[in-house]
Amino acid sequence: MRFPKEVRVYCPRCKAYTPHQVTTYKPGKRRTLAQGQRRYLRKQKGYGSKRKPEQKEFAKTTKKQVLKLKCNVCGYTLLKSLGRLRKLEIVEKV
């Protein structure tokens, strides 16, 4: 899917339709000191095998794409989910 680099969408902070800069959302690095990660690592430790079987083959062929929209007026960022796409391309003009 081709998506423009700049779109006019509603900004809840400005309370108006303003131009927004579009980028793809990328999740950050997992925090090793977060409680869930510590619990996961503690459960994985021990003798013998892992607590869950390792996945041999990934079933899905697509990923759910998320766009990061940043308001050019106030700088407010909102996320917009596009659902499952094979390929997302951000272009100058559609």
C-alpha atoms as a PDB file:
ATOM      1  CA  MET A   1       0.000   0.000   0.000  1.00  0.00           C
ATOM      2  CA  ARG A   2       1.257   3.477  -0.874  1.00  0.00           C
ATOM      3  CA  PHE A   3       0.681   6.176   1.737  1.00  0.00           C
ATOM      4  CA  PRO A   4       1.515   9.924   1.472  1.00  0.00           C
ATOM      5  CA  LYS A   5       4.299  11.475   3.565  1.00  0.00           C
ATOM      6  CA  GLU A   6       1.935  14.196   4.773  1.00  0.00           C
ATOM      7  CA  VAL A   7      -1.822  13.954   5.454  1.00  0.00           C
ATOM      8  CA  ARG A   8      -4.457  16.308   6.856  1.00  0.00           C
ATOM      9  CA  VAL A   9      -6.144  14.579   9.794  1.00  0.00           C
ATOM     10  CA  TYR A  10      -7.862  15.678  13.007  1.00  0.00           C
ATOM     11  CA  CYS A  11      -5.545  16.693  15.857  1.00  0.00           C
ATOM     12  CA  PRO A  12      -7.196  16.336  19.292  1.00  0.00           C
ATOM     13  CA  ARG A  13      -4.847  18.893  20.857  1.00  0.00           C
ATOM     14  CA  CYS A  14      -5.389  21.584  18.173  1.00  0.00           C
ATOM     15  CA  LYS A  15      -9.077  20.554  17.860  1.00  0.00           C
ATOM     16  CA  ALA A  16      -8.806  21.071  14.093  1.00  0.00           C
ATOM     17  CA  TYR A  17      -7.732  19.289  10.909  1.00  0.00           C
ATOM     18  CA  THR A  18      -4.005  19.984  10.500  1.00  0.00           C
ATOM     19  CA  PRO A  19      -1.201  18.530   8.326  1.00  0.00           C
ATOM     20  CA  HIS A  20       0.571  15.582   9.940  1.00  0.00           C
ATOM     21  CA  GLN A  21       3.942  14.033   9.083  1.00  0.00           C
ATOM     22  CA  VAL A  22       3.680  10.256   8.522  1.00  0.00           C
ATOM     23  CA  THR A  23       6.267   7.658   9.595  1.00  0.00           C
ATOM     24  CA  THR A  24       6.061   3.938  10.332  1.00  0.00           C
ATOM     25  CA  TYR A  25       5.875   2.943  13.997  1.00  0.00           C
ATOM     26  CA  LYS A  26       8.765   0.808  15.218  1.00  0.00           C
ATOM     27  CA  PRO A  27       8.614  -0.711  18.704  1.00  0.00           C
ATOM     28  CA  GLY A  28      11.503   0.173  21.008  1.00  0.00           C
ATOM     29  CA  LYS A  29      14.012  -2.144  22.613  1.00  0.00           C
ATOM     30  CA  ARG A  30      12.633  -4.434  25.339  1.00  0.00           C
ATOM     31  CA  ARG A  31      13.629  -3.332  28.854  1.00  0.00           C
ATOM     32  CA  THR A  32      15.512  -6.139  30.609  1.00  0.00           C
ATOM     33  CA  LEU A  33      14.626  -4.790  34.066  1.00  0.00           C
ATOM     34  CA  ALA A  34      10.855  -4.686  33.399  1.00  0.00           C
ATOM     35  CA  GLN A  35       8.892  -7.009  35.704  1.00  0.00           C
ATOM     36  CA  GLY A  36       7.419  -9.082  32.860  1.00  0.00           C
ATOM     37  CA  GLN A  37      10.833  -9.624  31.233  1.00  0.00           C
ATOM     38  CA  ARG A  38      12.411 -10.603  34.586  1.00  0.00           C
ATOM     39  CA  ARG A  39       9.584 -13.069  35.215  1.00  0.00           C
ATOM     40  CA  TYR A  40       9.965 -14.537  31.709  1.00  0.00           C
ATOM     41  CA  LEU A  41      13.743 -14.978  32.092  1.00  0.00           C
ATOM     42  CA  ARG A  42      13.316 -16.552  35.547  1.00  0.00           C
ATOM     43  CA  LYS A  43      10.791 -19.053  34.163  1.00  0.00           C
ATOM     44  CA  GLN A  44      13.091 -19.886  31.222  1.00  0.00           C
ATOM     45  CA  LYS A  45      15.991 -20.672  33.591  1.00  0.00           C
ATOM     46  CA  GLY A  46      16.570 -24.097  35.087  1.00  0.00           C
ATOM     47  CA  TYR A  47      17.586 -27.566  34.027  1.00  0.00           C
ATOM     48  CA  GLY A  48      16.360 -29.344  30.939  1.00  0.00           C
ATOM     49  CA  SER A  49      14.191 -27.865  28.255  1.00  0.00           C
ATOM     50  CA  LYS A  50      12.467 -24.485  27.951  1.00  0.00           C
ATOM     51  CA  ARG A  51       9.014 -23.990  29.457  1.00  0.00           C
ATOM     52  CA  LYS A  52       7.388 -23.499  26.047  1.00  0.00           C
ATOM     53  CA  PRO A  53       8.257 -25.138  22.729  1.00  0.00           C
ATOM     54  CA  GLU A  54      10.152 -22.907  20.299  1.00  0.00           C
ATOM     55  CA  GLN A  55       8.125 -22.023  17.227  1.00  0.00           C
ATOM     56  CA  LYS A  56       9.461 -23.861  14.184  1.00  0.00           C
ATOM     57  CA  GLU A  57       7.528 -22.088  11.430  1.00  0.00           C
ATOM     58  CA  PHE A  58       5.768 -18.727  11.432  1.00  0.00           C
ATOM     59  CA  ALA A  59       2.200 -19.081  10.162  1.00  0.00           C
ATOM     60  CA  LYS A  60       1.419 -15.509   9.082  1.00  0.00           C
ATOM     61  CA  THR A  61       2.763 -13.887   5.912  1.00  0.00           C
ATOM     62  CA  THR A  62       1.902 -10.284   6.832  1.00  0.00           C
ATOM     63  CA  LYS A  63       2.341  -7.942   9.783  1.00  0.00           C
ATOM     64  CA  LYS A  64      -0.116  -5.422  11.207  1.00  0.00           C
ATOM     65  CA  GLN A  65       1.196  -2.014  10.146  1.00  0.00           C
ATOM     66  CA  VAL A  66       0.928   1.060  12.372  1.00  0.00           C
ATOM     67  CA  LEU A  67       1.488   4.670  11.275  1.00  0.00           C
ATOM     68  CA  LYS A  68       2.883   7.405  13.508  1.00  0.00           C
ATOM     69  CA  LEU A  69       1.232  10.747  12.722  1.00  0.00           C
ATOM     70  CA  LYS A  70       2.967  13.864  14.101  1.00  0.00           C
ATOM     71  CA  CYS A  71       1.106  17.202  13.969  1.00  0.00           C
ATOM     72  CA  ASN A  72       3.092  19.903  12.174  1.00  0.00           C
ATOM     73  CA  VAL A  73       1.443  22.645  14.283  1.00  0.00           C
ATOM     74  CA  CYS A  74       1.700  21.425  17.895  1.00  0.00           C
ATOM     75  CA  GLY A  75       3.890  18.285  17.613  1.00  0.00           C
ATOM     76  CA  TYR A  76       1.256  15.929  19.074  1.00  0.00           C
ATOM     77  CA  THR A  77       1.773  12.293  17.987  1.00  0.00           C
ATOM     78  CA  LEU A  78      -1.005   9.802  17.393  1.00  0.00           C
ATOM     79  CA  LEU A  79      -0.903   6.218  16.129  1.00  0.00           C
ATOM     80  CA  LYS A  80      -3.155   4.876  13.379  1.00  0.00           C
ATOM     81  CA  SER A  81      -3.459   1.152  12.739  1.00  0.00           C
ATOM     82  CA  LEU A  82      -3.826   0.042   9.118  1.00  0.00           C
ATOM     83  CA  GLY A  83      -4.302  -3.662   9.770  1.00  0.00           C
ATOM     84  CA  ARG A  84      -2.531  -6.399   7.833  1.00  0.00           C
ATOM     85  CA  LEU A  85      -0.457  -5.339   4.817  1.00  0.00           C
ATOM     86  CA  ARG A  86       2.183  -7.125   2.803  1.00  0.00           C
ATOM     87  CA  LYS A  87       4.108  -3.937   2.061  1.00  0.00           C
ATOM     88  CA  LEU A  88       3.770  -0.330   3.241  1.00  0.00           C
ATOM     89  CA  GLU A  89       5.428   2.385   1.198  1.00  0.00           C
ATOM     90  CA  ILE A  90       5.448   6.044   2.294  1.00  0.00           C
ATOM     91  CA  VAL A  91       5.732   8.260  -0.796  1.00  0.00           C
ATOM     92  CA  GLU A  92       5.941  12.014  -1.510  1.00  0.00           C
ATOM     93  CA  LYS A  93       2.614  12.239  -3.405  1.00  0.00           C
ATOM     94  CA  VAL A  94       0.058   9.501  -4.074  1.00  0.00           C
END
